[in-house]
Protein backbone atom coordinates (compact mmCIF):
# COMPACT_ATOMS: atom_id res chain seq x y z
CA MET A 1 0.00 0.00 0.00
CA GLN A 2 1.29 3.45 -0.85
CA THR A 3 1.33 6.31 1.59
CA LYS A 4 1.30 10.02 0.88
CA ALA A 5 1.60 13.30 2.66
CA ILE A 6 -1.50 15.36 3.38
CA LEU A 7 -2.06 18.99 4.27
CA ALA A 8 -2.54 19.28 8.01
CA LEU A 9 -4.06 22.35 9.64
CA THR A 10 -0.61 23.64 10.58
CA ASP A 11 0.45 23.37 6.92
CA ILE A 12 -2.67 25.15 5.75
CA ASN A 13 -2.07 28.00 8.19
CA LYS A 14 1.55 28.31 7.05
CA ILE A 15 0.39 28.55 3.44
CA LEU A 16 -2.26 31.14 4.26
CA ASP A 17 0.13 33.22 6.35
CA ALA A 18 2.94 33.17 3.77
CA ALA A 19 0.57 34.04 0.93
CA GLN A 20 -0.97 36.85 2.97
CA LYS A 21 2.47 38.19 3.88
CA GLU A 22 3.37 38.35 0.16
CA ALA A 23 0.08 40.04 -0.69
CA ASP A 24 0.30 42.50 2.22
CA SER A 25 3.90 43.44 1.39
CA ASN A 26 2.70 44.53 -2.05
CA ALA A 27 -0.65 46.01 -0.88
CA TRP A 28 -2.55 43.50 -3.04
CA PRO A 29 -6.14 42.81 -1.88
CA VAL A 30 -6.71 39.15 -2.76
CA THR A 31 -8.48 36.02 -1.69
CA ILE A 32 -6.41 32.95 -0.83
CA ALA A 33 -7.92 29.47 -1.19
CA VAL A 34 -6.30 26.20 -0.15
CA ALA A 35 -7.65 22.87 -1.39
CA ASP A 36 -6.79 19.22 -0.79
CA ASP A 37 -5.59 16.87 -3.52
CA GLY A 38 -9.18 16.26 -4.64
CA GLY A 39 -9.84 19.97 -5.08
CA HIS A 40 -11.99 20.27 -1.96
CA LEU A 41 -11.72 23.59 -0.16
CA LEU A 42 -9.81 23.40 3.11
CA ALA A 43 -9.44 27.12 3.86
CA LEU A 44 -10.34 30.51 2.46
CA ARG A 45 -8.99 33.90 3.49
CA ARG A 46 -10.34 37.05 1.85
CA LEU A 47 -8.10 39.99 2.66
CA ASP A 48 -9.47 43.46 3.35
CA GLY A 49 -10.38 45.19 0.11
CA ALA A 50 -10.61 42.01 -1.96
CA ALA A 51 -13.63 41.90 -4.25
CA PRO A 52 -16.31 39.47 -3.04
CA PHE A 53 -16.26 37.50 -6.31
CA SER A 54 -12.56 36.78 -5.79
CA ALA A 55 -13.53 34.18 -3.19
CA GLU A 56 -15.32 32.14 -5.84
CA VAL A 57 -12.56 32.56 -8.42
CA ALA A 58 -9.74 31.67 -5.99
CA THR A 59 -11.65 28.54 -4.95
CA HIS A 60 -12.01 27.44 -8.59
CA LYS A 61 -8.32 28.10 -9.27
CA ALA A 62 -7.30 25.98 -6.28
CA ARG A 63 -9.66 23.19 -7.34
CA ASN A 64 -8.36 23.19 -10.91
CA ALA A 65 -4.70 23.15 -9.86
CA ALA A 66 -5.39 20.12 -7.63
CA LEU A 67 -7.48 18.20 -10.15
CA GLY A 68 -5.32 19.11 -13.14
CA ARG A 69 -2.11 18.40 -11.21
CA LYS A 70 -0.49 21.52 -12.70
CA GLU A 71 -0.55 25.29 -12.53
CA THR A 72 -3.76 26.74 -13.92
CA GLN A 73 -1.69 29.06 -16.08
CA VAL A 74 -1.18 26.03 -18.34
CA PHE A 75 -4.93 25.86 -18.98
CA GLU A 76 -5.20 29.57 -19.69
CA GLU A 77 -2.26 29.43 -22.11
CA MET A 78 -3.77 26.39 -23.83
CA ILE A 79 -7.02 28.25 -24.45
CA ASN A 80 -5.28 31.46 -25.49
CA GLY A 81 -3.08 29.41 -27.81
CA GLY A 82 -6.07 28.27 -29.82
CA ARG A 83 -7.35 25.16 -28.08
CA THR A 84 -10.65 26.87 -27.40
CA ALA A 85 -12.55 23.58 -27.08
CA PHE A 86 -10.95 23.27 -23.64
CA VAL A 87 -13.34 25.93 -22.30
CA THR A 88 -16.03 23.23 -22.44
CA ALA A 89 -14.12 21.13 -19.88
CA PRO A 90 -16.10 20.68 -16.66
CA LEU A 91 -13.92 23.23 -14.86
CA GLN A 92 -14.45 26.87 -13.98
CA GLY A 93 -11.84 29.54 -13.40
CA LEU A 94 -9.31 28.38 -16.00
CA LEU A 95 -7.09 31.35 -15.22
CA SER A 96 -3.58 31.87 -13.89
CA GLY A 97 -3.26 31.87 -10.12
CA GLY A 98 -3.72 28.22 -9.14
CA VAL A 99 -0.59 26.33 -8.05
CA PRO A 100 -0.38 22.71 -6.87
CA VAL A 101 1.40 21.74 -3.66
CA ILE A 102 3.74 18.90 -4.57
CA VAL A 103 5.53 16.72 -2.00
CA ASP A 104 7.68 13.75 -3.03
CA GLY A 105 6.34 14.03 -6.57
CA GLN A 106 2.69 13.83 -5.49
CA VAL A 107 0.11 16.61 -5.52
CA ILE A 108 -1.21 16.87 -1.98
CA GLY A 109 -3.19 20.07 -2.40
CA SER A 110 -3.20 23.45 -4.06
CA VAL A 111 -3.40 27.20 -3.59
CA GLY A 112 -5.61 29.54 -5.59
CA ILE A 113 -5.31 33.32 -5.58
CA SER A 114 -7.63 35.91 -7.09
CA GLY A 115 -7.70 39.67 -6.95
CA VAL A 116 -4.77 41.16 -8.85
CA LYS A 117 -2.97 40.67 -12.17
CA PRO A 118 -2.37 37.05 -13.23
CA GLU A 119 1.38 37.12 -12.63
CA GLN A 120 0.79 38.67 -9.19
CA ASP A 121 -1.76 35.99 -8.30
CA VAL A 122 0.83 33.36 -9.24
CA GLN A 123 3.53 35.14 -7.21
CA ILE A 124 1.34 35.06 -4.12
CA ALA A 125 0.34 31.43 -4.64
CA LYS A 126 3.96 30.35 -5.01
CA ALA A 127 4.88 32.25 -1.84
CA GLY A 128 2.21 30.24 -0.03
CA VAL A 129 3.38 26.93 -1.46
CA SER A 130 7.00 27.70 -0.60
CA ALA A 131 6.08 27.92 3.08
CA ILE A 132 5.83 24.13 3.23
CA ALA A 133 7.50 22.79 0.10
């Protein structure tokens, strides 16, 4: 039987805190979502000033990064590159800003960020992931 790491509450809090620190240091009002490896929401933190809809978008980005086992930027680039049929995939929020958490080669969860420019969302998500990876 195989074993794998999972995101414990202490890990989730480290991710949230590191992502918030990155966002706060740049004065970026965002929502931070953390999901498990099945894309199920484990935590959500909407920072002051973040648009209410960013909570929904960040959640979808985290879900897609977990289920797709890759950064959501890949999906956005695929669509922008002409593979428009991919928009019919049963996923929402196919935008940059979702990053998987990978431990020992396995996706154990993900982080989704929404609220600022795509590259800034990714920067914040990666700061969160780096807190435990």
